[in-house]
PDB file of N, CA and C in Angstrom:
ATOM      1  N   UNK A   1       0.838  -1.176   0.000  1.00  0.00           N
ATOM      2  CA  UNK A   1       0.000   0.000   0.000  1.00  0.00           C
ATOM      3  C   UNK A   1       0.885   1.243   0.000  1.00  0.00           C
ATOM      4  N   UNK A   2       0.363   2.288  -0.592  1.00  0.00           N
ATOM      5  CA  UNK A   2       1.089   3.548  -0.660  1.00  0.00           C
ATOM      6  C   UNK A   2       0.232   4.627  -0.026  1.00  0.00           C
ATOM      7  N   UNK A   3       0.749   5.237   1.038  1.00  0.00           N
ATOM      8  CA  UNK A   3       0.061   6.352   1.682  1.00  0.00           C
ATOM      9  C   UNK A   3       0.532   7.628   1.009  1.00  0.00           C
ATOM     10  N   UNK A   4      -0.410   8.393   0.496  1.00  0.00           N
ATOM     11  CA  UNK A   4      -0.076   9.649  -0.160  1.00  0.00           C
ATOM     12  C   UNK A   4      -0.463  10.779   0.777  1.00  0.00           C
ATOM     13  N   UNK A   5       0.534  11.480   1.286  1.00  0.00           N
ATOM     14  CA  UNK A   5       0.314  12.592   2.197  1.00  0.00           C
ATOM     15  C   UNK A   5       0.011  13.826   1.353  1.00  0.00           C
ATOM     16  N   UNK A   6      -1.232  14.312   1.447  1.00  0.00           N
ATOM     17  CA  UNK A   6      -1.655  15.465   0.668  1.00  0.00           C
ATOM     18  C   UNK A   6      -1.419  16.716   1.511  1.00  0.00           C
ATOM     19  N   UNK A   7      -0.533  17.568   1.046  1.00  0.00           N
ATOM     20  CA  UNK A   7      -0.238  18.824   1.725  1.00  0.00           C
ATOM     21  C   UNK A   7       0.022  19.877   0.655  1.00  0.00           C
ATOM     22  N   UNK A   8       0.246  21.102   1.088  1.00  0.00           N
ATOM     23  CA  UNK A   8       0.552  22.162   0.132  1.00  0.00           C
ATOM     24  C   UNK A   8       1.853  21.845  -0.604  1.00  0.00           C
ATOM     25  N   UNK A   9       2.841  21.328   0.096  1.00  0.00           N
ATOM     26  CA  UNK A   9       4.116  20.980  -0.532  1.00  0.00           C
ATOM     27  C   UNK A   9       3.923  19.885  -1.585  1.00  0.00           C
ATOM     28  N   UNK A  10       3.088  18.872  -1.280  1.00  0.00           N
ATOM     29  CA  UNK A  10       2.796  17.815  -2.256  1.00  0.00           C
ATOM     30  C   UNK A  10       2.145  18.413  -3.493  1.00  0.00           C
ATOM     31  N   UNK A  11       1.136  19.259  -3.285  1.00  0.00           N
ATOM     32  CA  UNK A  11       0.419  19.874  -4.400  1.00  0.00           C
ATOM     33  C   UNK A  11       1.361  20.685  -5.285  1.00  0.00           C
ATOM     34  N   UNK A  12       2.229  21.454  -4.669  1.00  0.00           N
ATOM     35  CA  UNK A  12       3.177  22.256  -5.438  1.00  0.00           C
ATOM     36  C   UNK A  12       4.183  21.377  -6.191  1.00  0.00           C
ATOM     37  N   UNK A  13       4.560  20.261  -5.592  1.00  0.00           N
ATOM     38  CA  UNK A  13       5.527  19.362  -6.231  1.00  0.00           C
ATOM     39  C   UNK A  13       4.932  18.696  -7.472  1.00  0.00           C
ATOM     40  N   UNK A  14       3.719  18.154  -7.346  1.00  0.00           N
ATOM     41  CA  UNK A  14       3.145  17.397  -8.463  1.00  0.00           C
ATOM     42  C   UNK A  14       2.564  18.286  -9.551  1.00  0.00           C
ATOM     43  N   UNK A  15       2.160  19.504  -9.213  1.00  0.00           N
ATOM     44  CA  UNK A  15       1.622  20.392 -10.245  1.00  0.00           C
ATOM     45  C   UNK A  15       2.700  21.246 -10.875  1.00  0.00           C
ATOM     46  N   UNK A  16       3.883  21.275 -10.272  1.00  0.00           N
ATOM     47  CA  UNK A  16       4.991  22.034 -10.831  1.00  0.00           C
ATOM     48  C   UNK A  16       4.907  23.521 -10.572  1.00  0.00           C
ATOM     49  N   UNK A  17       4.079  23.941  -9.595  1.00  0.00           N
ATOM     50  CA  UNK A  17       3.971  25.370  -9.303  1.00  0.00           C
ATOM     51  C   UNK A  17       5.181  25.886  -8.553  1.00  0.00           C
ATOM     52  N   UNK A  18       5.886  25.016  -7.871  1.00  0.00           N
ATOM     53  CA  UNK A  18       7.088  25.415  -7.133  1.00  0.00           C
ATOM     54  C   UNK A  18       8.256  24.619  -7.694  1.00  0.00           C
ATOM     55  N   UNK A  19       9.064  25.253  -8.489  1.00  0.00           N
ATOM     56  CA  UNK A  19      10.211  24.583  -9.103  1.00  0.00           C
ATOM     57  C   UNK A  19      11.408  24.667  -8.172  1.00  0.00           C
ATOM     58  N   UNK A  20      11.997  23.515  -7.952  1.00  0.00           N
ATOM     59  CA  UNK A  20      13.193  23.452  -7.113  1.00  0.00           C
ATOM     60  C   UNK A  20      14.387  23.113  -7.999  1.00  0.00           C
ATOM     61  N   UNK A  21      15.517  23.735  -7.729  1.00  0.00           N
ATOM     62  CA  UNK A  21      16.718  23.467  -8.515  1.00  0.00           C
ATOM     63  C   UNK A  21      17.299  22.099  -8.205  1.00  0.00           C
ATOM     64  N   UNK A  22      17.110  21.644  -6.960  1.00  0.00           N
ATOM     65  CA  UNK A  22      17.648  20.340  -6.589  1.00  0.00           C
ATOM     66  C   UNK A  22      16.514  19.314  -6.586  1.00  0.00           C
ATOM     67  N   UNK A  23      16.439  18.524  -7.642  1.00  0.00           N
ATOM     68  CA  UNK A  23      15.417  17.489  -7.777  1.00  0.00           C
ATOM     69  C   UNK A  23      15.968  16.214  -7.153  1.00  0.00           C
ATOM     70  N   UNK A  24      15.568  15.930  -5.935  1.00  0.00           N
ATOM     71  CA  UNK A  24      16.090  14.751  -5.258  1.00  0.00           C
ATOM     72  C   UNK A  24      15.236  13.520  -5.590  1.00  0.00           C
ATOM     73  N   UNK A  25      15.658  12.378  -5.090  1.00  0.00           N
ATOM     74  CA  UNK A  25      14.981  11.116  -5.379  1.00  0.00           C
ATOM     75  C   UNK A  25      13.558  11.106  -4.829  1.00  0.00           C
ATOM     76  N   UNK A  26      13.357  11.696  -3.664  1.00  0.00           N
ATOM     77  CA  UNK A  26      12.034  11.738  -3.046  1.00  0.00           C
ATOM     78  C   UNK A  26      11.053  12.507  -3.922  1.00  0.00           C
ATOM     79  N   UNK A  27      11.473  13.639  -4.452  1.00  0.00           N
ATOM     80  CA  UNK A  27      10.613  14.449  -5.299  1.00  0.00           C
ATOM     81  C   UNK A  27      10.298  13.731  -6.597  1.00  0.00           C
ATOM     82  N   UNK A  28      11.284  13.107  -7.203  1.00  0.00           N
ATOM     83  CA  UNK A  28      11.036  12.413  -8.470  1.00  0.00           C
ATOM     84  C   UNK A  28      10.116  11.212  -8.263  1.00  0.00           C
ATOM     85  N   UNK A  29      10.225  10.511  -7.136  1.00  0.00           N
ATOM     86  CA  UNK A  29       9.314   9.405  -6.843  1.00  0.00           C
ATOM     87  C   UNK A  29       7.891   9.889  -6.636  1.00  0.00           C
ATOM     88  N   UNK A  30       7.741  11.032  -5.981  1.00  0.00           N
ATOM     89  CA  UNK A  30       6.414  11.601  -5.755  1.00  0.00           C
ATOM     90  C   UNK A  30       5.738  11.923  -7.078  1.00  0.00           C
ATOM     91  N   UNK A  31       6.464  12.555  -7.967  1.00  0.00           N
ATOM     92  CA  UNK A  31       5.909  12.909  -9.275  1.00  0.00           C
ATOM     93  C   UNK A  31       5.620  11.650 -10.084  1.00  0.00           C
ATOM     94  N   UNK A  32       6.486  10.644 -10.003  1.00  0.00           N
ATOM     95  CA  UNK A  32       6.270   9.391 -10.723  1.00  0.00           C
ATOM     96  C   UNK A  32       4.968   8.719 -10.282  1.00  0.00           C
ATOM     97  N   UNK A  33       4.755   8.610  -8.974  1.00  0.00           N
ATOM     98  CA  UNK A  33       3.525   7.997  -8.453  1.00  0.00           C
ATOM     99  C   UNK A  33       2.312   8.816  -8.883  1.00  0.00           C
ATOM    100  N   UNK A  34       2.439  10.132  -8.851  1.00  0.00           N
ATOM    101  CA  UNK A  34       1.328  10.991  -9.250  1.00  0.00           C
ATOM    102  C   UNK A  34       0.945  10.753 -10.709  1.00  0.00           C
ATOM    103  N   UNK A  35       1.908  10.465 -11.560  1.00  0.00           N
ATOM    104  CA  UNK A  35       1.640  10.275 -12.988  1.00  0.00           C
ATOM    105  C   UNK A  35       1.108   8.880 -13.312  1.00  0.00           C
ATOM    106  N   UNK A  36       0.976   8.020 -12.341  1.00  0.00           N
ATOM    107  CA  UNK A  36       0.445   6.681 -12.584  1.00  0.00           C
ATOM    108  C   UNK A  36      -1.074   6.678 -12.723  1.00  0.00           C
ATOM    109  N   UNK A  37      -1.667   7.828 -12.913  1.00  0.00           N
ATOM    110  CA  UNK A  37      -3.118   7.933 -12.967  1.00  0.00           C
ATOM    111  C   UNK A  37      -3.724   7.160 -14.131  1.00  0.00           C
ATOM    112  N   UNK A  38      -2.980   6.923 -15.203  1.00  0.00           N
ATOM    113  CA  UNK A  38      -3.540   6.169 -16.322  1.00  0.00           C
ATOM    114  C   UNK A  38      -3.948   4.767 -15.903  1.00  0.00           C
ATOM    115  N   UNK A  39      -3.209   4.168 -15.006  1.00  0.00           N
ATOM    116  CA  UNK A  39      -3.541   2.826 -14.521  1.00  0.00           C
ATOM    117  C   UNK A  39      -4.920   2.807 -13.882  1.00  0.00           C
ATOM    118  N   UNK A  40      -5.213   3.768 -13.077  1.00  0.00           N
ATOM    119  CA  UNK A  40      -6.493   3.800 -12.378  1.00  0.00           C
ATOM    120  C   UNK A  40      -7.602   4.293 -13.308  1.00  0.00           C
ATOM    121  N   UNK A  41      -7.312   5.207 -14.221  1.00  0.00           N
ATOM    122  CA  UNK A  41      -8.317   5.689 -15.167  1.00  0.00           C
ATOM    123  C   UNK A  41      -8.779   4.589 -16.118  1.00  0.00           C
ATOM    124  N   UNK A  42      -7.996   3.562 -16.287  1.00  0.00           N
ATOM    125  CA  UNK A  42      -8.364   2.478 -17.191  1.00  0.00           C
ATOM    126  C   UNK A  42      -9.341   1.499 -16.565  1.00  0.00           C
ATOM    127  N   UNK A  43     -10.004   1.876 -15.521  1.00  0.00           N
ATOM    128  CA  UNK A  43     -11.017   1.024 -14.919  1.00  0.00           C
ATOM    129  C   UNK A  43     -10.534   0.163 -13.773  1.00  0.00           C
ATOM    130  N   UNK A  44      -9.298   0.313 -13.349  1.00  0.00           N
ATOM    131  CA  UNK A  44      -8.783  -0.477 -12.237  1.00  0.00           C
ATOM    132  C   UNK A  44      -9.311   0.088 -10.920  1.00  0.00           C
ATOM    133  N   UNK A  45      -9.507  -0.766  -9.994  1.00  0.00           N
ATOM    134  CA  UNK A  45      -9.957  -0.340  -8.668  1.00  0.00           C
ATOM    135  C   UNK A  45      -8.752   0.106  -7.850  1.00  0.00           C
ATOM    136  N   UNK A  46      -8.991   1.014  -6.923  1.00  0.00           N
ATOM    137  CA  UNK A  46      -7.902   1.515  -6.092  1.00  0.00           C
ATOM    138  C   UNK A  46      -7.904   0.815  -4.742  1.00  0.00           C
ATOM    139  N   UNK A  47      -7.010  -0.131  -4.583  1.00  0.00           N
ATOM    140  CA  UNK A  47      -6.818  -0.772  -3.288  1.00  0.00           C
ATOM    141  C   UNK A  47      -5.430  -0.458  -2.749  1.00  0.00           C
ATOM    142  N   UNK A  48      -4.638   0.242  -3.520  1.00  0.00           N
ATOM    143  CA  UNK A  48      -3.231   0.444  -3.197  1.00  0.00           C
ATOM    144  C   UNK A  48      -2.927   1.803  -2.597  1.00  0.00           C
ATOM    145  N   UNK A  49      -3.621   2.835  -3.035  1.00  0.00           N
ATOM    146  CA  UNK A  49      -3.316   4.196  -2.606  1.00  0.00           C
ATOM    147  C   UNK A  49      -4.262   4.656  -1.503  1.00  0.00           C
ATOM    148  N   UNK A  50      -3.682   5.272  -0.482  1.00  0.00           N
ATOM    149  CA  UNK A  50      -4.466   5.800   0.639  1.00  0.00           C
ATOM    150  C   UNK A  50      -4.159   7.291   0.746  1.00  0.00           C
ATOM    151  N   UNK A  51      -5.065   8.159   0.263  1.00  0.00           N
ATOM    152  CA  UNK A  51      -4.810   9.596   0.359  1.00  0.00           C
ATOM    153  C   UNK A  51      -5.138  10.124   1.759  1.00  0.00           C
ATOM    154  N   UNK A  52      -4.209  10.880   2.333  1.00  0.00           N
ATOM    155  CA  UNK A  52      -4.385  11.448   3.670  1.00  0.00           C
ATOM    156  C   UNK A  52      -4.144  12.949   3.589  1.00  0.00           C
ATOM    157  N   UNK A  53      -5.163  13.734   3.956  1.00  0.00           N
ATOM    158  CA  UNK A  53      -5.036  15.196   3.970  1.00  0.00           C
ATOM    159  C   UNK A  53      -4.436  15.626   5.295  1.00  0.00           C
ATOM    160  N   UNK A  54      -3.337  16.321   5.236  1.00  0.00           N
ATOM    161  CA  UNK A  54      -2.725  16.861   6.436  1.00  0.00           C
ATOM    162  C   UNK A  54      -3.349  18.221   6.757  1.00  0.00           C
ATOM    163  N   UNK A  55      -3.216  18.693   8.004  1.00  0.00           N
ATOM    164  CA  UNK A  55      -3.788  19.990   8.361  1.00  0.00           C
ATOM    165  C   UNK A  55      -3.312  21.092   7.424  1.00  0.00           C
ATOM    166  N   UNK A  56      -4.247  21.923   6.999  1.00  0.00           N
ATOM    167  CA  UNK A  56      -3.939  23.020   6.095  1.00  0.00           C
ATOM    168  C   UNK A  56      -4.091  22.669   4.634  1.00  0.00           C
ATOM    169  N   UNK A  57      -4.234  21.385   4.316  1.00  0.00           N
ATOM    170  CA  UNK A  57      -4.399  20.958   2.926  1.00  0.00           C
ATOM    171  C   UNK A  57      -5.867  21.026   2.538  1.00  0.00           C
ATOM    172  N   UNK A  58      -6.115  21.299   1.269  1.00  0.00           N
ATOM    173  CA  UNK A  58      -7.475  21.391   0.759  1.00  0.00           C
ATOM    174  C   UNK A  58      -7.817  20.140  -0.028  1.00  0.00           C
ATOM    175  N   UNK A  59      -9.114  19.855  -0.115  1.00  0.00           N
ATOM    176  CA  UNK A  59      -9.583  18.695  -0.879  1.00  0.00           C
ATOM    177  C   UNK A  59      -9.201  18.830  -2.358  1.00  0.00           C
ATOM    178  N   UNK A  60      -9.067  20.062  -2.832  1.00  0.00           N
ATOM    179  CA  UNK A  60      -8.705  20.274  -4.241  1.00  0.00           C
ATOM    180  C   UNK A  60      -7.266  19.851  -4.537  1.00  0.00           C
ATOM    181  N   UNK A  61      -6.442  19.645  -3.515  1.00  0.00           N
ATOM    182  CA  UNK A  61      -5.073  19.180  -3.711  1.00  0.00           C
ATOM    183  C   UNK A  61      -5.012  17.698  -4.073  1.00  0.00           C
ATOM    184  N   UNK A  62      -6.084  16.961  -3.810  1.00  0.00           N
ATOM    185  CA  UNK A  62      -6.111  15.527  -4.098  1.00  0.00           C
ATOM    186  C   UNK A  62      -6.124  15.345  -5.616  1.00  0.00           C
ATOM    187  N   UNK A  63      -5.240  14.489  -6.145  1.00  0.00           N
ATOM    188  CA  UNK A  63      -5.221  14.276  -7.595  1.00  0.00           C
ATOM    189  C   UNK A  63      -6.568  13.770  -8.108  1.00  0.00           C
ATOM    190  N   UNK A  64      -6.881  14.103  -9.343  1.00  0.00           N
ATOM    191  CA  UNK A  64      -8.184  13.731  -9.900  1.00  0.00           C
ATOM    192  C   UNK A  64      -8.379  12.213  -9.920  1.00  0.00           C
ATOM    193  N   UNK A  65      -7.319  11.449 -10.097  1.00  0.00           N
ATOM    194  CA  UNK A  65      -7.458   9.999 -10.151  1.00  0.00           C
ATOM    195  C   UNK A  65      -7.689   9.370  -8.779  1.00  0.00           C
ATOM    196  N   UNK A  66      -7.601  10.177  -7.704  1.00  0.00           N
ATOM    197  CA  UNK A  66      -7.910   9.680  -6.360  1.00  0.00           C
ATOM    198  C   UNK A  66      -9.218  10.256  -5.829  1.00  0.00           C
ATOM    199  N   UNK A  67      -9.938  11.006  -6.653  1.00  0.00           N
ATOM    200  CA  UNK A  67     -11.177  11.630  -6.201  1.00  0.00           C
ATOM    201  C   UNK A  67     -12.251  10.600  -5.852  1.00  0.00           C
ATOM    202  N   UNK A  68     -12.219   9.428  -6.471  1.00  0.00           N
ATOM    203  CA  UNK A  68     -13.234   8.397  -6.194  1.00  0.00           C
ATOM    204  C   UNK A  68     -12.915   7.583  -4.941  1.00  0.00           C
ATOM    205  N   UNK A  69     -11.766   7.807  -4.351  1.00  0.00           N
ATOM    206  CA  UNK A  69     -11.317   7.066  -3.170  1.00  0.00           C
ATOM    207  C   UNK A  69     -11.656   7.847  -1.909  1.00  0.00           C
ATOM    208  N   UNK A  70     -11.897   7.131  -0.833  1.00  0.00           N
ATOM    209  CA  UNK A  70     -12.131   7.803   0.446  1.00  0.00           C
ATOM    210  C   UNK A  70     -10.858   8.538   0.856  1.00  0.00           C
ATOM    211  N   UNK A  71     -10.987   9.832   1.139  1.00  0.00           N
ATOM    212  CA  UNK A  71      -9.840  10.653   1.546  1.00  0.00           C
ATOM    213  C   UNK A  71      -9.886  10.815   3.057  1.00  0.00           C
ATOM    214  N   UNK A  72      -8.811  10.425   3.711  1.00  0.00           N
ATOM    215  CA  UNK A  72      -8.722  10.522   5.164  1.00  0.00           C
ATOM    216  C   UNK A  72      -8.128  11.864   5.555  1.00  0.00           C
ATOM    217  N   UNK A  73      -8.446  12.318   6.758  1.00  0.00           N
ATOM    218  CA  UNK A  73      -7.882  13.562   7.303  1.00  0.00           C
ATOM    219  C   UNK A  73      -7.062  13.221   8.541  1.00  0.00           C
ATOM    220  N   UNK A  74      -5.861  13.752   8.571  1.00  0.00           N
ATOM    221  CA  UNK A  74      -4.975  13.532   9.712  1.00  0.00           C
ATOM    222  C   UNK A  74      -5.095  14.706  10.659  1.00  0.00           C
ATOM    223  N   UNK A  75      -5.186  14.554  11.932  1.00  0.00           N
ATOM    224  CA  UNK A  75      -5.157  13.348  12.764  1.00  0.00           C
ATOM    225  C   UNK A  75      -6.550  12.805  13.070  1.00  0.00           C
ATOM    226  N   UNK A  76      -7.595  13.441  12.556  1.00  0.00           N
ATOM    227  CA  UNK A  76      -8.968  13.050  12.882  1.00  0.00           C
ATOM    228  C   UNK A  76      -9.253  11.583  12.578  1.00  0.00           C
ATOM    229  N   UNK A  77      -8.810  11.075  11.452  1.00  0.00           N
ATOM    230  CA  UNK A  77      -9.153   9.715  11.014  1.00  0.00           C
ATOM    231  C   UNK A  77      -8.031   8.706  11.221  1.00  0.00           C
ATOM    232  N   UNK A  78      -7.177   8.928  12.216  1.00  0.00           N
ATOM    233  CA  UNK A  78      -6.025   8.059  12.399  1.00  0.00           C
ATOM    234  C   UNK A  78      -6.420   6.602  12.619  1.00  0.00           C
ATOM    235  N   UNK A  79      -7.525   6.366  13.355  1.00  0.00           N
ATOM    236  CA  UNK A  79      -7.933   4.987  13.611  1.00  0.00           C
ATOM    237  C   UNK A  79      -8.452   4.310  12.339  1.00  0.00           C
ATOM    238  N   UNK A  80      -9.141   5.057  11.469  1.00  0.00           N
ATOM    239  CA  UNK A  80      -9.605   4.489  10.204  1.00  0.00           C
ATOM    240  C   UNK A  80      -8.431   4.189   9.267  1.00  0.00           C
ATOM    241  N   UNK A  81      -7.403   5.026   9.314  1.00  0.00           N
ATOM    242  CA  UNK A  81      -6.210   4.779   8.501  1.00  0.00           C
ATOM    243  C   UNK A  81      -5.535   3.481   8.947  1.00  0.00           C
ATOM    244  N   UNK A  82      -5.394   3.305  10.249  1.00  0.00           N
ATOM    245  CA  UNK A  82      -4.782   2.073  10.761  1.00  0.00           C
ATOM    246  C   UNK A  82      -5.609   0.843  10.405  1.00  0.00           C
ATOM    247  N   UNK A  83      -6.938   0.966  10.482  1.00  0.00           N
ATOM    248  CA  UNK A  83      -7.790  -0.161  10.103  1.00  0.00           C
ATOM    249  C   UNK A  83      -7.599  -0.527   8.639  1.00  0.00           C
ATOM    250  N   UNK A  84      -7.503   0.494   7.780  1.00  0.00           N
ATOM    251  CA  UNK A  84      -7.319   0.231   6.341  1.00  0.00           C
ATOM    252  C   UNK A  84      -5.963  -0.439   6.100  1.00  0.00           C
ATOM    253  N   UNK A  85      -4.933   0.026   6.788  1.00  0.00           N
ATOM    254  CA  UNK A  85      -3.612  -0.582   6.623  1.00  0.00           C
ATOM    255  C   UNK A  85      -3.585  -2.028   7.111  1.00  0.00           C
ATOM    256  N   UNK A  86      -4.302  -2.294   8.177  1.00  0.00           N
ATOM    257  CA  UNK A  86      -4.302  -3.639   8.754  1.00  0.00           C
ATOM    258  C   UNK A  86      -5.417  -4.520   8.174  1.00  0.00           C
ATOM    259  N   UNK A  87      -6.225  -3.937   7.288  1.00  0.00           N
ATOM    260  CA  UNK A  87      -7.348  -4.645   6.652  1.00  0.00           C
ATOM    261  C   UNK A  87      -8.313  -5.206   7.683  1.00  0.00           C
ATOM    262  N   UNK A  88      -8.688  -4.359   8.646  1.00  0.00           N
ATOM    263  CA  UNK A  88      -9.641  -4.729   9.682  1.00  0.00           C
ATOM    264  C   UNK A  88     -10.889  -3.875   9.477  1.00  0.00           C
ATOM    265  N   UNK A  89     -12.041  -4.524   9.429  1.00  0.00           N
ATOM    266  CA  UNK A  89     -13.303  -3.814   9.229  1.00  0.00           C
ATOM    267  C   UNK A  89     -13.686  -3.047  10.491  1.00  0.00           C
ATOM    268  N   UNK A  90     -14.299  -1.883  10.292  1.00  0.00           N
ATOM    269  CA  UNK A  90     -14.728  -1.067  11.433  1.00  0.00           C
ATOM    270  C   UNK A  90     -15.945  -1.691  12.111  1.00  0.00           C
ATOM    271  N   UNK A  91     -16.861  -2.194  11.307  1.00  0.00           N
ATOM    272  CA  UNK A  91     -18.079  -2.805  11.841  1.00  0.00           C
ATOM    273  C   UNK A  91     -18.152  -4.245  11.363  1.00  0.00           C
ATOM    274  N   UNK A  92     -18.481  -5.140  12.274  1.00  0.00           N
ATOM    275  CA  UNK A  92     -18.627  -6.535  11.870  1.00  0.00           C
ATOM    276  C   UNK A  92     -20.072  -6.764  11.434  1.00  0.00           C
ATOM    277  N   UNK A  93     -20.273  -7.535  10.389  1.00  0.00           N
ATOM    278  CA  UNK A  93     -21.639  -7.773   9.914  1.00  0.00           C
ATOM    279  C   UNK A  93     -22.427  -8.595  10.933  1.00  0.00           C
ATOM    280  N   UNK A  94     -23.730  -8.371  10.993  1.00  0.00           N
ATOM    281  CA  UNK A  94     -24.534  -9.148  11.947  1.00  0.00           C
ATOM    282  C   UNK A  94     -24.596 -10.607  11.512  1.00  0.00           C
ATOM    283  N   UNK A  95     -24.806 -11.508  12.472  1.00  0.00           N
ATOM    284  CA  UNK A  95     -24.896 -12.929  12.107  1.00  0.00           C
ATOM    285  C   UNK A  95     -26.152 -13.183  11.269  1.00  0.00           C
ATOM    286  N   UNK A  96     -26.041 -14.153  10.390  1.00  0.00           N
ATOM    287  CA  UNK A  96     -27.188 -14.514   9.557  1.00  0.00           C
ATOM    288  C   UNK A  96     -28.109 -15.402  10.371  1.00  0.00           C
ATOM    289  N   UNK A  97     -29.356 -14.975  10.492  1.00  0.00           N
ATOM    290  CA  UNK A  97     -30.342 -15.727  11.269  1.00  0.00           C
ATOM    291  C   UNK A  97     -31.167 -16.631  10.379  1.00  0.00           C
ATOM    292  N   UNK A  98     -32.185 -17.231  10.971  1.00  0.00           N
ATOM    293  CA  UNK A  98     -33.044 -18.109  10.179  1.00  0.00           C
ATOM    294  C   UNK A  98     -33.866 -17.286   9.182  1.00  0.00           C
ATOM    295  N   UNK A  99     -34.230 -17.918   8.081  1.00  0.00           N
ATOM    296  CA  UNK A  99     -35.046 -17.246   7.087  1.00  0.00           C
ATOM    297  C   UNK A  99     -36.450 -16.999   7.640  1.00  0.00           C
ATOM    298  N   UNK A 100     -37.045 -15.865   7.274  1.00  0.00           N
ATOM    299  CA  UNK A 100     -38.413 -15.606   7.757  1.00  0.00           C
ATOM    300  C   UNK A 100     -39.418 -16.542   7.108  1.00  0.00           C
ATOM    301  N   UNK A 101     -40.486 -16.804   7.834  1.00  0.00           N
ATOM    302  CA  UNK A 101     -41.560 -17.646   7.318  1.00  0.00           C
ATOM    303  C   UNK A 101     -42.555 -16.759   6.580  1.00  0.00           C
ATOM    304  N   UNK A 102     -42.871 -17.152   5.376  1.00  0.00           N
ATOM    305  CA  UNK A 102     -43.830 -16.384   4.581  1.00  0.00           C
ATOM    306  C   UNK A 102     -45.188 -17.076   4.683  1.00  0.00           C
ATOM    307  N   UNK A 103     -46.160 -16.333   5.152  1.00  0.00           N
ATOM    308  CA  UNK A 103     -47.521 -16.873   5.299  1.00  0.00           C
ATOM    309  C   UNK A 103     -48.381 -16.244   4.229  1.00  0.00           C
ATOM    310  N   UNK A 104     -49.027 -17.042   3.450  1.00  0.00           N
ATOM    311  CA  UNK A 104     -49.896 -16.571   2.382  1.00  0.00           C
ATOM    312  C   UNK A 104     -51.342 -16.621   2.878  1.00  0.00           C
ATOM    313  N   UNK A 105     -52.023 -15.504   2.838  1.00  0.00           N
ATOM    314  CA  UNK A 105     -53.420 -15.418   3.274  1.00  0.00           C
ATOM    315  C   UNK A 105     -54.264 -15.091   2.034  1.00  0.00           C
ATOM    316  N   UNK A 106     -55.203 -15.970   1.669  1.00  0.00           N
ATOM    317  CA  UNK A 106     -56.047 -15.676   0.507  1.00  0.00           C
ATOM    318  C   UNK A 106     -56.974 -14.489   0.790  1.00  0.00           C
ATOM    319  N   UNK A 107     -57.230 -13.727  -0.254  1.00  0.00           N
ATOM    320  CA  UNK A 107     -58.077 -12.532  -0.093  1.00  0.00           C
ATOM    321  C   UNK A 107     -59.511 -12.867  -0.366  1.00  0.00           C
TER     322      UNK A 107
END
């Protein structure tokens, strides 16, 4: 799984609004992952990317290819993020009981 931390710095990095003279490995990896949107646009489901909005970040900073995914907010949704990482459901489904009896009454 890949956690994508959405912040102003992330938005500036992937949109190219803030050009840095020193392009380090971290920045190039961030842009590379951001450009993988064709994979998801081709009808693939997103089970790999977890977008997390950090304080001060706006929903508009989330890449368009992640708009269909649940966006978490840090630190408010920390427990939901951990559940997603550990693949643990928040609510357990109720047990299946006996089927109801259908009584037909003639009119």
